[in-house]
C-alpha atoms as a PDB file:
ATOM      1  CA  MET A   1     107.105  81.803 138.492  1.00  0.00           C
ATOM      2  CA  SER A   2     105.944  78.913 136.290  1.00  0.00           C
ATOM      3  CA  GLU A   3     109.271  77.223 137.044  1.00  0.00           C
ATOM      4  CA  ASN A   4     108.449  77.293 140.780  1.00  0.00           C
ATOM      5  CA  ILE A   5     104.960  75.913 140.185  1.00  0.00           C
ATOM      6  CA  ASN A   6     106.425  73.171 137.992  1.00  0.00           C
ATOM      7  CA  HIS A   7     108.977  72.389 140.710  1.00  0.00           C
ATOM      8  CA  LEU A   8     106.237  72.133 143.355  1.00  0.00           C
ATOM      9  CA  THR A   9     104.156  69.918 141.093  1.00  0.00           C
ATOM     10  CA  GLN A  10     107.109  67.598 140.541  1.00  0.00           C
ATOM     11  CA  LEU A  11     107.816  67.402 144.276  1.00  0.00           C
ATOM     12  CA  GLU A  12     104.180  66.611 145.016  1.00  0.00           C
ATOM     13  CA  GLU A  13     104.191  63.920 142.320  1.00  0.00           C
ATOM     14  CA  ILE A  14     107.315  62.359 143.806  1.00  0.00           C
ATOM     15  CA  LEU A  15     105.658  62.211 147.212  1.00  0.00           C
ATOM     16  CA  THR A  16     102.398  60.915 145.785  1.00  0.00           C
ATOM     17  CA  PHE A  17     104.045  58.229 143.648  1.00  0.00           C
ATOM     18  CA  GLU A  18     106.532  57.275 146.347  1.00  0.00           C
ATOM     19  CA  LEU A  19     106.622  53.540 146.744  1.00  0.00           C
ATOM     20  CA  ARG A  20     105.309  52.384 150.045  1.00  0.00           C
ATOM     21  CA  ARG A  21     108.577  50.793 151.106  1.00  0.00           C
ATOM     22  CA  ASN A  22     107.093  49.804 154.408  1.00  0.00           C
ATOM     23  CA  ALA A  23     103.989  48.285 152.754  1.00  0.00           C
ATOM     24  CA  VAL A  24     102.023  48.710 155.960  1.00  0.00           C
ATOM     25  CA  LYS A  25      98.346  47.848 155.978  1.00  0.00           C
ATOM     26  CA  LEU A  26      96.035  50.537 157.286  1.00  0.00           C
ATOM     27  CA  GLU A  27      94.729  48.280 160.031  1.00  0.00           C
ATOM     28  CA  LYS A  28      98.261  47.653 161.291  1.00  0.00           C
ATOM     29  CA  ILE A  29      98.941  51.380 161.518  1.00  0.00           C
ATOM     30  CA  LEU A  30      95.859  51.761 163.707  1.00  0.00           C
ATOM     31  CA  GLN A  31      96.427  48.621 165.753  1.00  0.00           C
ATOM     32  CA  ASP A  32      99.969  49.630 166.607  1.00  0.00           C
ATOM     33  CA  ASN A  33      98.626  52.931 167.956  1.00  0.00           C
ATOM     34  CA  GLU A  34     101.221  54.885 165.998  1.00  0.00           C
ATOM     35  CA  ASN A  35     101.739  58.621 166.001  1.00  0.00           C
ATOM     36  CA  VAL A  36     101.976  60.998 163.074  1.00  0.00           C
ATOM     37  CA  ARG A  37     104.491  63.818 162.738  1.00  0.00           C
ATOM     38  CA  PHE A  38     104.217  66.928 160.603  1.00  0.00           C
ATOM     39  CA  MET A  39     106.841  67.103 157.827  1.00  0.00           C
ATOM     40  CA  PHE A  40     106.078  70.192 155.708  1.00  0.00           C
ATOM     41  CA  PHE A  41     103.410  72.292 153.984  1.00  0.00           C
ATOM     42  CA  LEU A  42     103.136  72.221 150.176  1.00  0.00           C
ATOM     43  CA  SER A  43     100.442  73.423 147.766  1.00  0.00           C
ATOM     44  CA  GLY A  44      97.659  73.706 150.329  1.00  0.00           C
ATOM     45  CA  LYS A  45      98.454  70.396 152.019  1.00  0.00           C
ATOM     46  CA  LEU A  46     100.094  69.502 155.305  1.00  0.00           C
ATOM     47  CA  TRP A  47     102.295  66.438 154.838  1.00  0.00           C
ATOM     48  CA  TYR A  48     102.543  64.007 157.756  1.00  0.00           C
ATOM     49  CA  ARG A  49     104.434  60.776 158.343  1.00  0.00           C
ATOM     50  CA  THR A  50     103.411  57.835 160.504  1.00  0.00           C
ATOM     51  CA  ASP A  51     105.872  56.109 162.821  1.00  0.00           C
ATOM     52  CA  SER A  52     106.112  53.293 160.254  1.00  0.00           C
ATOM     53  CA  GLY A  53     107.063  55.756 157.497  1.00  0.00           C
ATOM     54  CA  PHE A  54     103.826  56.141 155.513  1.00  0.00           C
ATOM     55  CA  LYS A  55     103.600  59.718 154.179  1.00  0.00           C
ATOM     56  CA  PHE A  56     100.261  61.338 153.422  1.00  0.00           C
ATOM     57  CA  PRO A  57      98.756  64.785 152.749  1.00  0.00           C
ATOM     58  CA  VAL A  58      96.099  66.594 154.748  1.00  0.00           C
ATOM     59  CA  PRO A  59      94.341  69.260 152.662  1.00  0.00           C
ATOM     60  CA  ILE A  60      93.738  72.433 154.621  1.00  0.00           C
ATOM     61  CA  LYS A  61      90.952  73.654 152.348  1.00  0.00           C
ATOM     62  CA  GLY A  62      87.705  73.254 154.213  1.00  0.00           C
ATOM     63  CA  SER A  63      89.369  72.432 157.514  1.00  0.00           C
ATOM     64  CA  GLY A  64      87.626  75.356 159.216  1.00  0.00           C
ATOM     65  CA  GLN A  65      88.744  75.758 162.806  1.00  0.00           C
ATOM     66  CA  SER A  66      90.588  72.423 162.951  1.00  0.00           C
ATOM     67  CA  VAL A  67      93.851  72.273 164.868  1.00  0.00           C
ATOM     68  CA  PHE A  68      96.686  70.285 163.329  1.00  0.00           C
ATOM     69  CA  LEU A  69      99.436  69.527 165.793  1.00  0.00           C
ATOM     70  CA  ASN A  70     103.091  68.822 165.036  1.00  0.00           C
ATOM     71  CA  GLU A  71     102.654  65.362 166.553  1.00  0.00           C
ATOM     72  CA  ASP A  72      99.369  63.576 167.131  1.00  0.00           C
ATOM     73  CA  ARG A  73      97.712  60.166 167.380  1.00  0.00           C
ATOM     74  CA  VAL A  74      97.209  58.311 164.106  1.00  0.00           C
ATOM     75  CA  ASN A  75      93.493  57.648 164.648  1.00  0.00           C
ATOM     76  CA  ARG A  76      92.686  61.343 164.098  1.00  0.00           C
ATOM     77  CA  PHE A  77      94.264  61.103 160.645  1.00  0.00           C
ATOM     78  CA  TYR A  78      92.779  57.794 159.523  1.00  0.00           C
ATOM     79  CA  PRO A  79      90.490  59.330 156.834  1.00  0.00           C
ATOM     80  CA  TYR A  80      93.462  61.094 155.226  1.00  0.00           C
ATOM     81  CA  ILE A  81      95.689  58.014 155.430  1.00  0.00           C
ATOM     82  CA  LYS A  82      92.978  55.814 153.933  1.00  0.00           C
ATOM     83  CA  ALA A  83      92.248  58.283 151.107  1.00  0.00           C
ATOM     84  CA  HIS A  84      95.928  58.616 150.202  1.00  0.00           C
ATOM     85  CA  ALA A  85      96.523  54.846 150.323  1.00  0.00           C
ATOM     86  CA  GLN A  86      93.572  54.335 147.955  1.00  0.00           C
ATOM     87  CA  LYS A  87      94.939  57.020 145.624  1.00  0.00           C
ATOM     88  CA  LEU A  88      98.351  55.310 145.585  1.00  0.00           C
ATOM     89  CA  ASP A  89      96.745  51.942 144.906  1.00  0.00           C
ATOM     90  CA  GLU A  90      94.726  53.386 141.994  1.00  0.00           C
ATOM     91  CA  LYS A  91      97.835  54.970 140.458  1.00  0.00           C
ATOM     92  CA  SER A  92      99.754  51.731 140.919  1.00  0.00           C
ATOM     93  CA  GLU A  93      96.982  49.758 139.159  1.00  0.00           C
ATOM     94  CA  LYS A  94      96.917  52.248 136.267  1.00  0.00           C
ATOM     95  CA  ALA A  95     100.692  52.030 135.923  1.00  0.00           C
ATOM     96  CA  LYS A  96     100.530  48.227 135.818  1.00  0.00           C
ATOM     97  CA  ALA A  97      97.806  48.342 133.166  1.00  0.00           C
ATOM     98  CA  ALA A  98      99.815  50.690 130.928  1.00  0.00           C
END
C-alpha cells in the first residue's frame, strides 16, 4: 500500500516539476483562446492540458456541484493555470537558489 502511495507521489512530483517546454505566458494562453483537455485523475486532482501543452491540476476538494468537462475553454480554468504556474515558478526559484 505504501508503495502505491509513494508511486503516486513520485508521479505527481514529476508532473509538478515538469519543465514548461512550451514556456507559454499565461496571457498568451488566454489570448489564443485555447481549449483544455482532461488527461487523468490522481490524488484528488483532475489533470488538464492546454492546447499549447501546459499541464495543470484542478483540485476537486471544495468544488461542490461544479461540472468539469473532458474538453472546455481555457478561460474557465485560468485560476488553476495561474496557481500552478506560480507554484512551478516558486519551485524553480528555490531550485536555482540551492
